[in-house]
Amino acid sequence: MTIYEIKRALERKGNNYFSRQNMRDFGQTMRDFKVKKLPDGRYLVTAPMRTRDKSRIVAYSKRYFNPATSEFEYCVDAPYVW
């Protein structure tokens, strides 16, 4: 599953996680997002969050995407980057 497929699935459910404004606020582009399939069938989605001028990374977005429900699940235990 690609980040674009995840984006479309979330938009169908009314989720605006990948809205232009949200991504601008966090200094992200679609190309920043990495997707990794997990053994339990979910996908780990991560991306760096940057300052407004994109000069430095301040944190990372990380969520689990559940394809069975087409929803993000918040995660605190996932690695930032692989």
N, C-alpha and C. Protein backbone atom coordinates (compact mmCIF):
# COMPACT_ATOMS: atom_id res chain seq x y z
N MET A 1 0.86 -1.18 0.00
CA MET A 1 0.00 0.00 0.00
C MET A 1 0.90 1.23 0.00
N THR A 2 0.56 2.20 -0.82
CA THR A 2 1.34 3.43 -0.91
C THR A 2 0.72 4.52 -0.05
N ILE A 3 1.47 5.58 0.15
CA ILE A 3 0.95 6.70 0.93
C ILE A 3 -0.24 7.35 0.22
N TYR A 4 -0.25 7.29 -1.10
CA TYR A 4 -1.37 7.87 -1.86
C TYR A 4 -2.64 7.04 -1.69
N GLU A 5 -2.50 5.73 -1.62
CA GLU A 5 -3.66 4.86 -1.36
C GLU A 5 -4.19 5.10 0.05
N ILE A 6 -3.31 5.27 1.00
CA ILE A 6 -3.72 5.56 2.38
C ILE A 6 -4.43 6.91 2.43
N LYS A 7 -3.89 7.90 1.75
CA LYS A 7 -4.52 9.23 1.71
C LYS A 7 -5.94 9.15 1.17
N ARG A 8 -6.11 8.44 0.05
CA ARG A 8 -7.45 8.32 -0.55
C ARG A 8 -8.41 7.59 0.40
N ALA A 9 -7.95 6.53 1.05
CA ALA A 9 -8.81 5.79 1.98
C ALA A 9 -9.25 6.68 3.14
N LEU A 10 -8.34 7.48 3.66
CA LEU A 10 -8.69 8.39 4.76
C LEU A 10 -9.65 9.48 4.30
N GLU A 11 -9.43 10.01 3.10
CA GLU A 11 -10.32 11.06 2.59
C GLU A 11 -11.73 10.53 2.40
N ARG A 12 -11.87 9.28 1.97
CA ARG A 12 -13.21 8.70 1.81
C ARG A 12 -13.94 8.62 3.15
N LYS A 13 -13.19 8.50 4.25
CA LYS A 13 -13.79 8.46 5.59
C LYS A 13 -13.96 9.87 6.18
N GLY A 14 -13.56 10.91 5.43
CA GLY A 14 -13.71 12.27 5.91
C GLY A 14 -12.54 12.78 6.73
N ASN A 15 -11.44 12.04 6.75
CA ASN A 15 -10.26 12.43 7.53
C ASN A 15 -9.44 13.43 6.72
N ASN A 16 -9.03 14.53 7.35
CA ASN A 16 -8.28 15.58 6.65
C ASN A 16 -6.80 15.61 7.06
N TYR A 17 -6.26 14.49 7.49
CA TYR A 17 -4.87 14.42 7.94
C TYR A 17 -3.91 14.93 6.87
N PHE A 18 -4.18 14.62 5.61
CA PHE A 18 -3.30 15.02 4.52
C PHE A 18 -3.78 16.28 3.80
N SER A 19 -4.56 17.10 4.46
CA SER A 19 -5.01 18.34 3.82
C SER A 19 -3.82 19.26 3.56
N ARG A 20 -3.95 20.09 2.58
CA ARG A 20 -2.88 21.02 2.22
C ARG A 20 -2.47 21.89 3.41
N GLN A 21 -3.46 22.37 4.15
CA GLN A 21 -3.17 23.24 5.30
C GLN A 21 -2.43 22.50 6.40
N ASN A 22 -2.89 21.30 6.73
CA ASN A 22 -2.21 20.51 7.77
C ASN A 22 -0.76 20.23 7.39
N MET A 23 -0.56 19.84 6.16
CA MET A 23 0.80 19.52 5.73
C MET A 23 1.68 20.76 5.70
N ARG A 24 1.13 21.88 5.32
CA ARG A 24 1.89 23.14 5.33
C ARG A 24 2.27 23.51 6.76
N ASP A 25 1.33 23.33 7.70
CA ASP A 25 1.60 23.67 9.10
C ASP A 25 2.76 22.87 9.68
N PHE A 26 2.93 21.64 9.21
CA PHE A 26 3.98 20.77 9.73
C PHE A 26 5.19 20.67 8.81
N GLY A 27 5.22 21.48 7.75
CA GLY A 27 6.35 21.50 6.84
C GLY A 27 6.56 20.19 6.11
N GLN A 28 5.45 19.52 5.77
CA GLN A 28 5.54 18.21 5.14
C GLN A 28 5.02 18.22 3.71
N THR A 29 5.53 17.28 2.92
CA THR A 29 4.99 17.01 1.58
C THR A 29 4.68 15.52 1.54
N MET A 30 3.93 15.11 0.55
CA MET A 30 3.60 13.69 0.42
C MET A 30 4.86 12.85 0.26
N ARG A 31 5.87 13.38 -0.36
CA ARG A 31 7.11 12.63 -0.55
C ARG A 31 7.85 12.35 0.75
N ASP A 32 7.56 13.13 1.78
CA ASP A 32 8.21 12.93 3.08
C ASP A 32 7.74 11.65 3.78
N PHE A 33 6.55 11.18 3.45
CA PHE A 33 5.94 10.07 4.17
C PHE A 33 6.50 8.73 3.72
N LYS A 34 6.83 7.89 4.71
CA LYS A 34 7.31 6.53 4.49
C LYS A 34 6.27 5.57 5.04
N VAL A 35 6.07 4.47 4.33
CA VAL A 35 5.08 3.46 4.72
C VAL A 35 5.78 2.11 4.85
N LYS A 36 5.51 1.43 5.97
CA LYS A 36 6.09 0.11 6.19
C LYS A 36 4.98 -0.83 6.65
N LYS A 37 4.83 -1.97 5.94
CA LYS A 37 3.82 -2.94 6.34
C LYS A 37 4.30 -3.71 7.57
N LEU A 38 3.40 -3.88 8.53
CA LEU A 38 3.72 -4.59 9.77
C LEU A 38 3.16 -6.01 9.71
N PRO A 39 3.69 -6.92 10.52
CA PRO A 39 3.22 -8.32 10.51
C PRO A 39 1.73 -8.47 10.84
N ASP A 40 1.17 -7.54 11.61
CA ASP A 40 -0.25 -7.65 11.98
C ASP A 40 -1.21 -7.10 10.92
N GLY A 41 -0.67 -6.67 9.76
CA GLY A 41 -1.51 -6.19 8.67
C GLY A 41 -1.66 -4.69 8.62
N ARG A 42 -1.31 -4.01 9.70
CA ARG A 42 -1.36 -2.55 9.69
C ARG A 42 -0.13 -2.01 8.98
N TYR A 43 -0.14 -0.69 8.76
CA TYR A 43 0.99 0.00 8.14
C TYR A 43 1.48 1.09 9.06
N LEU A 44 2.78 1.19 9.21
CA LEU A 44 3.38 2.29 9.96
C LEU A 44 3.66 3.41 8.98
N VAL A 45 3.15 4.60 9.28
CA VAL A 45 3.32 5.78 8.42
C VAL A 45 4.09 6.81 9.22
N THR A 46 5.26 7.24 8.71
CA THR A 46 6.07 8.23 9.40
C THR A 46 6.51 9.33 8.44
N ALA A 47 6.78 10.50 9.01
CA ALA A 47 7.30 11.62 8.24
C ALA A 47 7.89 12.65 9.20
N PRO A 48 8.95 13.34 8.78
CA PRO A 48 9.51 14.39 9.63
C PRO A 48 8.59 15.61 9.67
N MET A 49 8.56 16.27 10.81
CA MET A 49 7.86 17.55 10.95
C MET A 49 8.94 18.62 11.02
N ARG A 50 8.78 19.65 10.18
CA ARG A 50 9.80 20.70 10.08
C ARG A 50 9.26 22.05 10.52
N THR A 51 10.20 22.96 10.77
CA THR A 51 9.81 24.34 11.05
C THR A 51 9.17 24.92 9.79
N ARG A 52 8.50 26.05 9.95
CA ARG A 52 7.79 26.67 8.81
C ARG A 52 8.72 26.92 7.62
N ASP A 53 9.95 27.32 7.90
CA ASP A 53 10.89 27.60 6.81
C ASP A 53 11.61 26.33 6.34
N LYS A 54 11.24 25.18 6.91
CA LYS A 54 11.78 23.87 6.56
C LYS A 54 13.28 23.74 6.78
N SER A 55 13.81 24.58 7.67
CA SER A 55 15.25 24.57 7.90
C SER A 55 15.71 23.45 8.82
N ARG A 56 14.79 22.94 9.68
CA ARG A 56 15.21 21.87 10.57
C ARG A 56 14.04 20.99 10.95
N ILE A 57 14.35 19.73 11.27
CA ILE A 57 13.35 18.77 11.71
C ILE A 57 13.17 18.94 13.22
N VAL A 58 11.92 19.06 13.66
CA VAL A 58 11.65 19.26 15.08
C VAL A 58 11.03 18.02 15.73
N ALA A 59 10.45 17.14 14.94
CA ALA A 59 9.82 15.92 15.46
C ALA A 59 9.46 15.03 14.27
N TYR A 60 8.77 13.93 14.57
CA TYR A 60 8.29 13.04 13.52
C TYR A 60 6.82 12.73 13.74
N SER A 61 6.05 12.71 12.64
CA SER A 61 4.68 12.20 12.67
C SER A 61 4.78 10.70 12.57
N LYS A 62 3.99 9.99 13.35
CA LYS A 62 3.94 8.54 13.21
C LYS A 62 2.55 8.05 13.59
N ARG A 63 2.00 7.25 12.72
CA ARG A 63 0.66 6.70 12.92
C ARG A 63 0.64 5.28 12.36
N TYR A 64 -0.26 4.47 12.91
CA TYR A 64 -0.56 3.18 12.31
C TYR A 64 -1.80 3.37 11.45
N PHE A 65 -1.76 2.84 10.22
CA PHE A 65 -2.95 2.84 9.38
C PHE A 65 -3.51 1.44 9.38
N ASN A 66 -4.79 1.33 9.74
CA ASN A 66 -5.46 0.05 9.75
C ASN A 66 -6.31 -0.07 8.49
N PRO A 67 -5.93 -0.95 7.53
CA PRO A 67 -6.69 -1.05 6.29
C PRO A 67 -8.08 -1.66 6.48
N ALA A 68 -8.30 -2.40 7.55
CA ALA A 68 -9.61 -2.98 7.81
C ALA A 68 -10.65 -1.91 8.14
N THR A 69 -10.21 -0.84 8.81
CA THR A 69 -11.13 0.23 9.20
C THR A 69 -10.90 1.51 8.39
N SER A 70 -9.82 1.54 7.62
CA SER A 70 -9.42 2.74 6.87
C SER A 70 -9.26 3.94 7.79
N GLU A 71 -8.65 3.72 8.95
CA GLU A 71 -8.43 4.79 9.91
C GLU A 71 -7.02 4.73 10.46
N PHE A 72 -6.55 5.89 10.91
CA PHE A 72 -5.27 5.97 11.60
C PHE A 72 -5.47 5.59 13.06
N GLU A 73 -4.45 4.95 13.62
CA GLU A 73 -4.42 4.67 15.04
C GLU A 73 -3.18 5.37 15.58
N TYR A 74 -3.34 6.09 16.67
CA TYR A 74 -2.22 6.80 17.28
C TYR A 74 -1.24 5.78 17.84
N CYS A 75 0.04 6.07 17.74
CA CYS A 75 1.03 5.15 18.29
C CYS A 75 2.11 5.93 19.04
N VAL A 76 2.55 5.35 20.12
CA VAL A 76 3.63 5.96 20.89
C VAL A 76 4.86 5.08 20.90
N ASP A 77 4.72 3.83 20.47
CA ASP A 77 5.81 2.89 20.57
C ASP A 77 6.54 2.64 19.25
N ALA A 78 6.11 3.28 18.18
CA ALA A 78 6.71 3.02 16.87
C ALA A 78 8.04 3.74 16.71
N PRO A 79 8.95 3.17 15.93
CA PRO A 79 10.21 3.87 15.67
C PRO A 79 9.96 5.10 14.80
N TYR A 80 10.82 6.09 14.92
CA TYR A 80 10.65 7.30 14.12
C TYR A 80 11.02 7.07 12.67
N VAL A 81 12.12 6.41 12.44
CA VAL A 81 12.61 6.18 11.09
C VAL A 81 13.17 4.78 11.02
N TRP A 82 13.08 4.15 9.89
CA TRP A 82 13.69 2.83 9.74
C TRP A 82 14.64 2.82 8.59
